[in-house]
Amino acid sequence: PISNLAKNFAEGTEYFKLLVDVFSPVFRGDKQKHLRYFYMIVPPLTVNFVEYLMNAKEKMSKKNKTGAAFTDDGFSMGIAYILKLLDQYRAFDSLHWFQSVTEKYAREGKKTSESMQRGRQDEKLQQTITLTVKRLEQFRKEFDLLSYSLRSARIFFRADKTAAEETEEKEAKGEGGASAGGDAPAAEGTD
């Protein structure tokens, strides 16, 4: 009947939580100490991913579309999942990575615009600077999209809570069963 359907539907929405609950003790265990600072390799991974995605999008406008892609949210889902498994969201947030990227592209854009003002007479220089400004803007937009995608993916894994907070919540509800603590340093801060 309807009550059974409602119960099954409610249980069905917990798949991501189930994935985290099953694998997080293994990922946070002593055998996985090499993942202790995983959050620190996320910034270079994002740079590589954005470059890959921009190349894939450029292939969309070419005749041979082999390797072309419009969007790819698997990367952000994977990063969100691994950061949750390792209980490293706060440590990653403490890097303020996406804020730093935004500031970097704003500085480079300003510097490029100033170069454009100084080199008004040279037409080839103007063309080069225009292409540079366009490329910088594309990079900034792709990083913004990746940031939004990662924030959205975090919602699936309840990234608003640390492992300790989730354990407290379970104990308060009477579920018991403590999960293994995270190995990452407890860094505070949000992006």
N, C-alpha and C. Protein backbone atom coordinates (compact mmCIF):
# COMPACT_ATOMS: atom_id res chain seq x y z
N PRO A 1 0.81 -1.20 0.00
CA PRO A 1 0.00 0.00 0.00
C PRO A 1 0.85 1.27 0.00
N ILE A 2 0.17 2.38 0.20
CA ILE A 2 0.82 3.69 0.12
C ILE A 2 1.86 3.87 1.23
N SER A 3 1.59 3.39 2.43
CA SER A 3 2.56 3.56 3.52
C SER A 3 3.87 2.83 3.21
N ASN A 4 3.76 1.65 2.58
CA ASN A 4 4.95 0.90 2.19
C ASN A 4 5.73 1.65 1.12
N LEU A 5 5.03 2.25 0.16
CA LEU A 5 5.66 3.04 -0.90
C LEU A 5 6.38 4.24 -0.30
N ALA A 6 5.74 4.92 0.64
CA ALA A 6 6.35 6.08 1.28
C ALA A 6 7.61 5.68 2.03
N LYS A 7 7.57 4.55 2.72
CA LYS A 7 8.73 4.07 3.48
C LYS A 7 9.89 3.74 2.52
N ASN A 8 9.58 3.02 1.44
CA ASN A 8 10.61 2.67 0.46
C ASN A 8 11.21 3.91 -0.20
N PHE A 9 10.37 4.90 -0.47
CA PHE A 9 10.86 6.13 -1.08
C PHE A 9 11.80 6.85 -0.13
N ALA A 10 11.43 6.93 1.14
CA ALA A 10 12.28 7.59 2.13
C ALA A 10 13.61 6.87 2.27
N GLU A 11 13.60 5.55 2.25
CA GLU A 11 14.83 4.78 2.34
C GLU A 11 15.67 4.96 1.08
N GLY A 12 15.02 5.11 -0.04
CA GLY A 12 15.72 5.26 -1.32
C GLY A 12 16.52 6.54 -1.42
N THR A 13 16.16 7.55 -0.67
CA THR A 13 16.87 8.82 -0.72
C THR A 13 18.16 8.79 0.10
N GLU A 14 18.41 7.71 0.77
CA GLU A 14 19.59 7.60 1.63
C GLU A 14 20.75 6.84 0.98
N TYR A 15 20.73 6.66 -0.33
CA TYR A 15 21.80 5.91 -0.99
C TYR A 15 23.18 6.53 -0.79
N PHE A 16 23.27 7.85 -0.92
CA PHE A 16 24.55 8.51 -0.75
C PHE A 16 25.06 8.37 0.68
N LYS A 17 24.14 8.49 1.64
CA LYS A 17 24.51 8.32 3.05
C LYS A 17 25.00 6.90 3.28
N LEU A 18 24.35 5.94 2.66
CA LEU A 18 24.76 4.54 2.80
C LEU A 18 26.16 4.33 2.23
N LEU A 19 26.44 4.91 1.08
CA LEU A 19 27.78 4.80 0.49
C LEU A 19 28.84 5.39 1.43
N VAL A 20 28.55 6.51 2.02
CA VAL A 20 29.49 7.14 2.95
C VAL A 20 29.65 6.28 4.20
N ASP A 21 28.54 5.82 4.77
CA ASP A 21 28.59 5.02 6.00
C ASP A 21 29.38 3.72 5.81
N VAL A 22 29.25 3.09 4.65
CA VAL A 22 29.93 1.82 4.41
C VAL A 22 31.43 2.01 4.20
N PHE A 23 31.82 3.02 3.42
CA PHE A 23 33.22 3.14 3.05
C PHE A 23 34.05 4.07 3.93
N SER A 24 33.44 4.98 4.67
CA SER A 24 34.22 5.93 5.45
C SER A 24 35.10 5.27 6.52
N PRO A 25 34.65 4.23 7.24
CA PRO A 25 35.56 3.62 8.21
C PRO A 25 36.82 3.04 7.56
N VAL A 26 36.68 2.51 6.36
CA VAL A 26 37.84 1.95 5.65
C VAL A 26 38.79 3.06 5.22
N PHE A 27 38.24 4.14 4.64
CA PHE A 27 39.06 5.23 4.15
C PHE A 27 39.74 5.99 5.28
N ARG A 28 39.12 6.04 6.45
CA ARG A 28 39.69 6.77 7.58
C ARG A 28 40.55 5.89 8.47
N GLY A 29 40.71 4.63 8.12
CA GLY A 29 41.47 3.68 8.93
C GLY A 29 42.98 3.89 8.85
N ASP A 30 43.69 3.16 9.69
CA ASP A 30 45.14 3.28 9.76
C ASP A 30 45.84 2.86 8.47
N LYS A 31 45.24 1.96 7.71
CA LYS A 31 45.85 1.50 6.47
C LYS A 31 45.81 2.55 5.36
N GLN A 32 45.04 3.60 5.57
CA GLN A 32 44.89 4.64 4.54
C GLN A 32 45.51 5.96 4.97
N LYS A 33 46.56 5.92 5.77
CA LYS A 33 47.21 7.14 6.25
C LYS A 33 47.75 8.01 5.10
N HIS A 34 48.04 7.36 3.97
CA HIS A 34 48.54 8.12 2.82
C HIS A 34 47.50 9.10 2.28
N LEU A 35 46.25 8.95 2.68
CA LEU A 35 45.19 9.86 2.23
C LEU A 35 44.95 11.00 3.22
N ARG A 36 45.77 11.06 4.25
CA ARG A 36 45.58 12.04 5.33
C ARG A 36 45.50 13.48 4.82
N TYR A 37 46.29 13.79 3.80
CA TYR A 37 46.32 15.15 3.27
C TYR A 37 45.79 15.21 1.83
N PHE A 38 44.83 14.37 1.53
CA PHE A 38 44.24 14.33 0.19
C PHE A 38 43.72 15.71 -0.23
N TYR A 39 43.11 16.42 0.69
CA TYR A 39 42.52 17.72 0.37
C TYR A 39 43.52 18.68 -0.26
N MET A 40 44.82 18.47 0.01
CA MET A 40 45.83 19.37 -0.53
C MET A 40 46.11 19.15 -2.01
N ILE A 41 45.75 17.99 -2.54
CA ILE A 41 45.97 17.78 -3.98
C ILE A 41 44.75 18.16 -4.81
N VAL A 42 43.66 18.55 -4.15
CA VAL A 42 42.46 18.94 -4.89
C VAL A 42 42.70 20.18 -5.75
N PRO A 43 43.37 21.24 -5.26
CA PRO A 43 43.60 22.40 -6.14
C PRO A 43 44.31 22.08 -7.45
N PRO A 44 45.44 21.35 -7.45
CA PRO A 44 46.03 21.05 -8.76
C PRO A 44 45.15 20.14 -9.62
N LEU A 45 44.38 19.27 -8.97
CA LEU A 45 43.44 18.44 -9.74
C LEU A 45 42.40 19.31 -10.42
N THR A 46 41.93 20.36 -9.74
CA THR A 46 40.92 21.24 -10.35
C THR A 46 41.50 22.01 -11.53
N VAL A 47 42.77 22.44 -11.41
CA VAL A 47 43.41 23.15 -12.53
C VAL A 47 43.47 22.23 -13.74
N ASN A 48 43.91 21.01 -13.53
CA ASN A 48 43.99 20.04 -14.61
C ASN A 48 42.61 19.77 -15.21
N PHE A 49 41.61 19.61 -14.36
CA PHE A 49 40.26 19.33 -14.84
C PHE A 49 39.71 20.49 -15.67
N VAL A 50 39.91 21.72 -15.20
CA VAL A 50 39.41 22.88 -15.94
C VAL A 50 40.08 22.97 -17.31
N GLU A 51 41.38 22.72 -17.37
CA GLU A 51 42.08 22.74 -18.66
C GLU A 51 41.54 21.65 -19.59
N TYR A 52 41.32 20.46 -19.04
CA TYR A 52 40.74 19.36 -19.82
C TYR A 52 39.36 19.75 -20.34
N LEU A 53 38.52 20.31 -19.47
CA LEU A 53 37.16 20.64 -19.85
C LEU A 53 37.12 21.74 -20.91
N MET A 54 38.02 22.71 -20.80
CA MET A 54 38.06 23.76 -21.81
C MET A 54 38.47 23.20 -23.17
N ASN A 55 39.43 22.29 -23.18
CA ASN A 55 39.82 21.64 -24.44
C ASN A 55 38.67 20.83 -25.01
N ALA A 56 37.95 20.12 -24.15
CA ALA A 56 36.82 19.31 -24.60
C ALA A 56 35.71 20.19 -25.18
N LYS A 57 35.48 21.34 -24.56
CA LYS A 57 34.45 22.25 -25.06
C LYS A 57 34.86 22.89 -26.38
N GLU A 58 36.17 23.16 -26.54
CA GLU A 58 36.65 23.72 -27.81
C GLU A 58 36.44 22.73 -28.95
N LYS A 59 36.54 21.45 -28.66
CA LYS A 59 36.34 20.42 -29.68
C LYS A 59 34.89 20.36 -30.16
N MET A 60 33.97 20.91 -29.38
CA MET A 60 32.56 20.92 -29.77
C MET A 60 32.34 21.73 -31.05
N SER A 61 33.16 22.77 -31.24
CA SER A 61 32.97 23.63 -32.41
C SER A 61 33.75 23.16 -33.63
N LYS A 62 34.52 22.09 -33.47
CA LYS A 62 35.30 21.57 -34.59
C LYS A 62 34.53 20.47 -35.31
N LYS A 63 34.97 20.19 -36.52
CA LYS A 63 34.31 19.18 -37.35
C LYS A 63 34.44 17.78 -36.73
N ASN A 64 35.66 17.41 -36.34
CA ASN A 64 35.90 16.12 -35.70
C ASN A 64 35.65 16.29 -34.21
N LYS A 65 34.56 15.78 -33.72
CA LYS A 65 34.15 15.99 -32.34
C LYS A 65 34.63 14.89 -31.39
N THR A 66 35.62 14.11 -31.78
CA THR A 66 36.16 13.06 -30.92
C THR A 66 36.75 13.69 -29.66
N GLY A 67 36.29 13.24 -28.51
CA GLY A 67 36.77 13.77 -27.24
C GLY A 67 36.07 15.04 -26.80
N ALA A 68 35.04 15.45 -27.51
CA ALA A 68 34.32 16.66 -27.16
C ALA A 68 33.38 16.40 -25.99
N ALA A 69 33.18 17.42 -25.18
CA ALA A 69 32.26 17.31 -24.05
C ALA A 69 31.66 18.67 -23.77
N PHE A 70 30.43 18.67 -23.33
CA PHE A 70 29.75 19.91 -23.00
C PHE A 70 29.87 20.20 -21.51
N THR A 71 29.71 19.17 -20.70
CA THR A 71 29.81 19.32 -19.25
C THR A 71 30.22 17.99 -18.66
N ASP A 72 30.76 18.03 -17.46
CA ASP A 72 31.20 16.82 -16.79
C ASP A 72 31.13 17.04 -15.29
N ASP A 73 30.10 16.49 -14.64
CA ASP A 73 29.96 16.68 -13.20
C ASP A 73 30.49 15.48 -12.40
N GLY A 74 31.00 14.48 -13.08
CA GLY A 74 31.55 13.32 -12.39
C GLY A 74 32.76 13.66 -11.53
N PHE A 75 33.57 14.59 -12.01
CA PHE A 75 34.74 15.00 -11.25
C PHE A 75 34.33 15.62 -9.91
N SER A 76 33.41 16.56 -9.95
CA SER A 76 33.00 17.23 -8.70
C SER A 76 32.29 16.26 -7.77
N MET A 77 31.52 15.32 -8.32
CA MET A 77 30.87 14.31 -7.47
C MET A 77 31.93 13.43 -6.80
N GLY A 78 32.94 13.04 -7.56
CA GLY A 78 34.01 12.21 -7.01
C GLY A 78 34.80 12.92 -5.93
N ILE A 79 35.15 14.17 -6.17
CA ILE A 79 35.89 14.95 -5.17
C ILE A 79 35.04 15.13 -3.92
N ALA A 80 33.76 15.47 -4.10
CA ALA A 80 32.87 15.65 -2.95
C ALA A 80 32.77 14.36 -2.14
N TYR A 81 32.65 13.24 -2.82
CA TYR A 81 32.53 11.94 -2.15
C TYR A 81 33.81 11.59 -1.37
N ILE A 82 34.96 11.76 -2.00
CA ILE A 82 36.21 11.41 -1.33
C ILE A 82 36.48 12.34 -0.15
N LEU A 83 36.21 13.64 -0.32
CA LEU A 83 36.40 14.55 0.81
C LEU A 83 35.48 14.19 1.97
N LYS A 84 34.27 13.74 1.66
CA LYS A 84 33.35 13.33 2.72
C LYS A 84 33.84 12.04 3.37
N LEU A 85 34.26 11.06 2.57
CA LEU A 85 34.76 9.81 3.14
C LEU A 85 35.92 10.06 4.10
N LEU A 86 36.78 11.00 3.74
CA LEU A 86 37.97 11.28 4.54
C LEU A 86 37.73 12.34 5.61
N ASP A 87 36.53 12.88 5.66
CA ASP A 87 36.17 13.93 6.62
C ASP A 87 37.13 15.11 6.50
N GLN A 88 37.34 15.57 5.26
CA GLN A 88 38.30 16.64 5.01
C GLN A 88 37.69 17.91 4.41
N TYR A 89 36.38 18.06 4.52
CA TYR A 89 35.75 19.26 3.96
C TYR A 89 36.27 20.54 4.60
N ARG A 90 36.33 20.55 5.91
CA ARG A 90 36.80 21.78 6.59
C ARG A 90 38.25 22.06 6.26
N ALA A 91 39.06 21.02 6.18
CA ALA A 91 40.46 21.22 5.82
C ALA A 91 40.56 21.79 4.40
N PHE A 92 39.77 21.26 3.46
CA PHE A 92 39.78 21.79 2.09
C PHE A 92 39.25 23.23 2.08
N ASP A 93 38.19 23.49 2.81
CA ASP A 93 37.64 24.85 2.87
C ASP A 93 38.65 25.85 3.43
N SER A 94 39.50 25.39 4.33
CA SER A 94 40.49 26.29 4.93
C SER A 94 41.51 26.77 3.91
N LEU A 95 41.63 26.08 2.79
CA LEU A 95 42.54 26.52 1.73
C LEU A 95 42.00 27.74 0.98
N HIS A 96 40.69 27.97 1.02
CA HIS A 96 40.03 29.07 0.30
C HIS A 96 40.42 29.05 -1.18
N TRP A 97 40.43 27.86 -1.74
CA TRP A 97 40.93 27.66 -3.09
C TRP A 97 40.17 28.45 -4.15
N PHE A 98 38.85 28.32 -4.17
CA PHE A 98 38.09 28.97 -5.24
C PHE A 98 38.11 30.50 -5.10
N GLN A 99 38.17 30.98 -3.88
CA GLN A 99 38.31 32.42 -3.65
C GLN A 99 39.66 32.90 -4.19
N SER A 100 40.71 32.13 -3.97
CA SER A 100 42.05 32.48 -4.48
C SER A 100 42.07 32.51 -6.00
N VAL A 101 41.40 31.55 -6.61
CA VAL A 101 41.34 31.50 -8.08
C VAL A 101 40.62 32.74 -8.62
N THR A 102 39.51 33.09 -8.00
CA THR A 102 38.75 34.27 -8.42
C THR A 102 39.61 35.52 -8.33
N GLU A 103 40.34 35.66 -7.21
CA GLU A 103 41.21 36.82 -7.03
C GLU A 103 42.34 36.83 -8.05
N LYS A 104 42.90 35.67 -8.34
CA LYS A 104 44.00 35.57 -9.32
C LYS A 104 43.54 36.04 -10.69
N TYR A 105 42.39 35.56 -11.14
CA TYR A 105 41.91 35.94 -12.47
C TYR A 105 41.48 37.40 -12.51
N ALA A 106 41.03 37.94 -11.39
CA ALA A 106 40.70 39.37 -11.35
C ALA A 106 41.97 40.21 -11.50
N ARG A 107 43.05 39.81 -10.79
CA ARG A 107 44.33 40.52 -10.90
C ARG A 107 44.88 40.44 -12.33
N GLU A 108 44.87 39.24 -12.90
CA GLU A 108 45.40 39.07 -14.25
C GLU A 108 44.57 39.83 -15.28
N GLY A 109 43.26 39.84 -15.08
CA GLY A 109 42.39 40.59 -15.99
C GLY A 109 42.68 42.08 -15.93
N LYS A 110 42.89 42.58 -14.72
CA LYS A 110 43.19 44.01 -14.54
C LYS A 110 44.54 44.35 -15.18
N LYS A 111 45.53 43.49 -14.95
CA LYS A 111 46.86 43.71 -15.52
C LYS A 111 46.80 43.69 -17.05
N THR A 112 46.02 42.78 -17.60
CA THR A 112 45.90 42.66 -19.05
C THR A 112 45.18 43.88 -19.63
N SER A 113 44.16 44.35 -18.93
CA SER A 113 43.44 45.55 -19.38
C SER A 113 44.35 46.77 -19.39
N GLU A 114 45.23 46.86 -18.37
CA GLU A 114 46.19 47.97 -18.33
C GLU A 114 47.16 47.88 -19.49
N SER A 115 47.58 46.66 -19.83
CA SER A 115 48.48 46.47 -20.98
C SER A 115 47.78 46.90 -22.27
N MET A 116 46.49 46.64 -22.33
CA MET A 116 45.70 46.99 -23.52
C MET A 116 45.68 48.52 -23.68
N GLN A 117 45.55 49.23 -22.56
CA GLN A 117 45.52 50.70 -22.63
C GLN A 117 46.87 51.26 -23.10
N ARG A 118 47.98 50.64 -22.63
CA ARG A 118 49.31 51.12 -23.01
C ARG A 118 49.66 50.82 -24.46
N GLY A 119 49.16 49.73 -25.01
CA GLY A 119 49.55 49.32 -26.35
C GLY A 119 48.50 49.57 -27.41
N ARG A 120 47.80 50.67 -27.33
CA ARG A 120 46.72 50.97 -28.27
C ARG A 120 47.18 51.12 -29.73
N GLN A 121 48.42 51.53 -29.94
CA GLN A 121 48.89 51.77 -31.31
C GLN A 121 49.20 50.46 -32.03
N ASP A 122 49.66 49.47 -31.34
CA ASP A 122 50.09 48.21 -31.95
C ASP A 122 48.88 47.27 -32.11
N GLU A 123 48.48 47.08 -33.38
CA GLU A 123 47.28 46.28 -33.66
C GLU A 123 47.47 44.80 -33.31
N LYS A 124 48.64 44.24 -33.60
CA LYS A 124 48.89 42.83 -33.27
C LYS A 124 48.88 42.62 -31.76
N LEU A 125 49.44 43.56 -31.03
CA LEU A 125 49.44 43.47 -29.57
C LEU A 125 48.01 43.53 -29.05
N GLN A 126 47.19 44.37 -29.63
CA GLN A 126 45.77 44.48 -29.25
C GLN A 126 45.04 43.15 -29.46
N GLN A 127 45.30 42.50 -30.59
CA GLN A 127 44.67 41.21 -30.86
C GLN A 127 45.10 40.16 -29.84
N THR A 128 46.39 40.13 -29.54
CA THR A 128 46.92 39.18 -28.56
C THR A 128 46.30 39.42 -27.19
N ILE A 129 46.24 40.68 -26.80
CA ILE A 129 45.67 41.02 -25.50
C ILE A 129 44.19 40.68 -25.45
N THR A 130 43.47 40.93 -26.53
CA THR A 130 42.05 40.59 -26.58
C THR A 130 41.83 39.09 -26.42
N LEU A 131 42.65 38.29 -27.10
CA LEU A 131 42.56 36.84 -26.94
C LEU A 131 42.91 36.40 -25.52
N THR A 132 43.88 37.04 -24.91
CA THR A 132 44.27 36.73 -23.54
C THR A 132 43.13 37.04 -22.58
N VAL A 133 42.50 38.19 -22.75
CA VAL A 133 41.36 38.57 -21.90
C VAL A 133 40.24 37.55 -22.04
N LYS A 134 39.98 37.16 -23.28
CA LYS A 134 38.91 36.17 -23.54
C LYS A 134 39.23 34.83 -22.86
N ARG A 135 40.47 34.40 -22.97
CA ARG A 135 40.90 33.13 -22.36
C ARG A 135 40.82 33.19 -20.83
N LEU A 136 41.27 34.30 -20.25
CA LEU A 136 41.18 34.47 -18.80
C LEU A 136 39.73 34.40 -18.32
N GLU A 137 38.85 35.03 -19.07
CA GLU A 137 37.43 35.03 -18.72
C GLU A 137 36.86 33.61 -18.82
N GLN A 138 37.28 32.84 -19.81
CA GLN A 138 36.83 31.45 -19.93
C GLN A 138 37.31 30.62 -18.74
N PHE A 139 38.55 30.78 -18.35
CA PHE A 139 39.08 30.06 -17.19
C PHE A 139 38.29 30.43 -15.93
N ARG A 140 38.05 31.72 -15.74
CA ARG A 140 37.31 32.16 -14.56
C ARG A 140 35.91 31.56 -14.52
N LYS A 141 35.24 31.56 -15.67
CA LYS A 141 33.89 31.00 -15.75
C LYS A 141 33.90 29.50 -15.46
N GLU A 142 34.87 28.78 -16.01
CA GLU A 142 34.95 27.33 -15.76
C GLU A 142 35.22 27.02 -14.29
N PHE A 143 36.08 27.82 -13.65
CA PHE A 143 36.33 27.61 -12.22
C PHE A 143 35.07 27.93 -11.41
N ASP A 144 34.34 28.97 -11.81
CA ASP A 144 33.07 29.28 -11.12
C ASP A 144 32.10 28.11 -11.26
N LEU A 145 31.98 27.57 -12.48
CA LEU A 145 31.07 26.44 -12.69
C LEU A 145 31.50 25.22 -11.88
N LEU A 146 32.80 24.97 -11.81
CA LEU A 146 33.29 23.85 -11.01
C LEU A 146 33.00 24.08 -9.53
N SER A 147 33.18 25.28 -9.07
CA SER A 147 32.88 25.61 -7.68
C SER A 147 31.40 25.36 -7.37
N TYR A 148 30.52 25.81 -8.26
CA TYR A 148 29.09 25.60 -8.06
C TYR A 148 28.74 24.11 -8.08
N SER A 149 29.36 23.40 -9.00
CA SER A 149 29.11 21.96 -9.12
C SER A 149 29.58 21.22 -7.88
N LEU A 150 30.74 21.59 -7.35
CA LEU A 150 31.25 20.96 -6.13
C LEU A 150 30.36 21.27 -4.94
N ARG A 151 29.91 22.50 -4.84
CA ARG A 151 28.99 22.86 -3.75
C ARG A 151 27.69 22.06 -3.85
N SER A 152 27.20 21.90 -5.05
CA SER A 152 25.97 21.11 -5.24
C SER A 152 26.20 19.65 -4.89
N ALA A 153 27.33 19.11 -5.30
CA ALA A 153 27.63 17.71 -5.00
C ALA A 153 27.78 17.47 -3.50
N ARG A 154 28.27 18.45 -2.79
CA ARG A 154 28.43 18.32 -1.34
C ARG A 154 27.09 18.11 -0.64
N ILE A 155 26.05 18.65 -1.20
CA ILE A 155 24.71 18.50 -0.61
C ILE A 155 24.31 17.03 -0.57
N PHE A 156 24.65 16.28 -1.61
CA PHE A 156 24.30 14.86 -1.65
C PHE A 156 24.93 14.07 -0.49
N PHE A 157 26.10 14.52 -0.06
CA PHE A 157 26.84 13.78 0.97
C PHE A 157 26.76 14.44 2.34
N ARG A 158 25.81 15.35 2.51
CA ARG A 158 25.62 16.05 3.78
C ARG A 158 26.93 16.62 4.28
N ALA A 159 27.57 17.37 3.46
CA ALA A 159 28.89 17.92 3.79
C ALA A 159 28.84 19.03 4.81
N ASP A 160 27.65 19.38 5.26
CA ASP A 160 27.54 20.42 6.26
C ASP A 160 27.95 19.94 7.65
N LYS A 161 28.14 18.62 7.79
CA LYS A 161 28.49 18.05 9.09
C LYS A 161 29.78 17.25 9.01
N THR A 162 30.57 17.34 10.08
CA THR A 162 31.77 16.53 10.17
C THR A 162 31.40 15.14 10.67
N ALA A 163 32.34 14.23 10.62
CA ALA A 163 32.09 12.87 11.10
C ALA A 163 31.71 12.88 12.58
N ALA A 164 32.36 13.71 13.37
CA ALA A 164 32.06 13.79 14.80
C ALA A 164 30.64 14.29 15.03
N GLU A 165 30.21 15.30 14.27
CA GLU A 165 28.86 15.83 14.41
C GLU A 165 27.82 14.79 14.00
N GLU A 166 28.10 14.02 12.96
CA GLU A 166 27.16 12.98 12.54
C GLU A 166 27.07 11.87 13.59
N THR A 167 28.20 11.53 14.22
CA THR A 167 28.20 10.51 15.27
C THR A 167 27.36 10.98 16.45
N GLU A 168 27.52 12.24 16.84
CA GLU A 168 26.72 12.79 17.93
C GLU A 168 25.24 12.74 17.59
N GLU A 169 24.91 13.07 16.34
CA GLU A 169 23.51 13.06 15.90
C GLU A 169 22.94 11.65 15.96
N LYS A 170 23.72 10.66 15.51
CA LYS A 170 23.27 9.26 15.57
C LYS A 170 23.03 8.82 17.00
N GLU A 171 23.95 9.18 17.89
CA GLU A 171 23.81 8.79 19.29
C GLU A 171 22.61 9.46 19.93
N ALA A 172 22.34 10.69 19.55
CA ALA A 172 21.18 11.40 20.08
C ALA A 172 19.88 10.76 19.61
N LYS A 173 19.90 10.23 18.39
CA LYS A 173 18.72 9.56 17.86
C LYS A 173 18.60 8.14 18.38
N GLY A 174 19.68 7.65 19.03
CA GLY A 174 19.64 6.30 19.57
C GLY A 174 20.10 5.24 18.60
N GLU A 175 20.74 5.66 17.49
CA GLU A 175 21.22 4.69 16.51
C GLU A 175 22.50 4.03 16.97
N GLY A 176 23.29 4.73 17.80
CA GLY A 176 24.56 4.18 18.27
C GLY A 176 25.53 4.03 17.14
N GLY A 177 26.57 3.19 17.33
CA GLY A 177 27.53 2.88 16.26
C GLY A 177 28.36 4.05 15.84
N ALA A 178 29.47 4.26 16.52
CA ALA A 178 30.36 5.36 16.17
C ALA A 178 31.17 5.01 14.93
N SER A 179 31.37 5.98 14.09
CA SER A 179 32.22 5.75 12.90
C SER A 179 33.63 6.16 13.24
N ALA A 180 34.57 5.71 12.44
CA ALA A 180 35.97 6.01 12.69
C ALA A 180 36.22 7.49 12.48
N GLY A 181 37.07 8.08 13.30
CA GLY A 181 37.37 9.51 13.20
C GLY A 181 38.26 9.80 12.01
N GLY A 182 38.22 11.04 11.55
CA GLY A 182 39.02 11.45 10.40
C GLY A 182 40.48 11.61 10.79
N ASP A 183 41.37 11.37 9.84
CA ASP A 183 42.79 11.51 10.06
C ASP A 183 43.28 12.91 9.70
N ALA A 184 42.45 13.69 9.00
CA ALA A 184 42.89 14.99 8.54
C ALA A 184 42.93 15.98 9.69
N PRO A 185 43.84 16.93 9.64
CA PRO A 185 43.88 17.94 10.68
C PRO A 185 42.56 18.71 10.68
N ALA A 186 42.09 19.05 11.84
CA ALA A 186 40.81 19.76 11.96
C ALA A 186 41.03 21.24 11.70
N ALA A 187 40.93 21.64 10.46
CA ALA A 187 41.09 23.05 10.10
C ALA A 187 39.72 23.68 10.00
N GLU A 188 39.58 24.84 10.55
CA GLU A 188 38.31 25.54 10.54
C GLU A 188 38.26 26.50 9.36
N GLY A 189 37.07 26.90 9.00
CA GLY A 189 36.91 27.91 7.95
C GLY A 189 36.04 27.39 6.83
N THR A 190 35.44 28.33 6.11
CA THR A 190 34.61 27.96 4.96
C THR A 190 35.07 28.76 3.77
N ASP A 191 34.69 28.28 2.63
CA ASP A 191 35.08 28.93 1.38
C ASP A 191 34.08 29.99 1.03
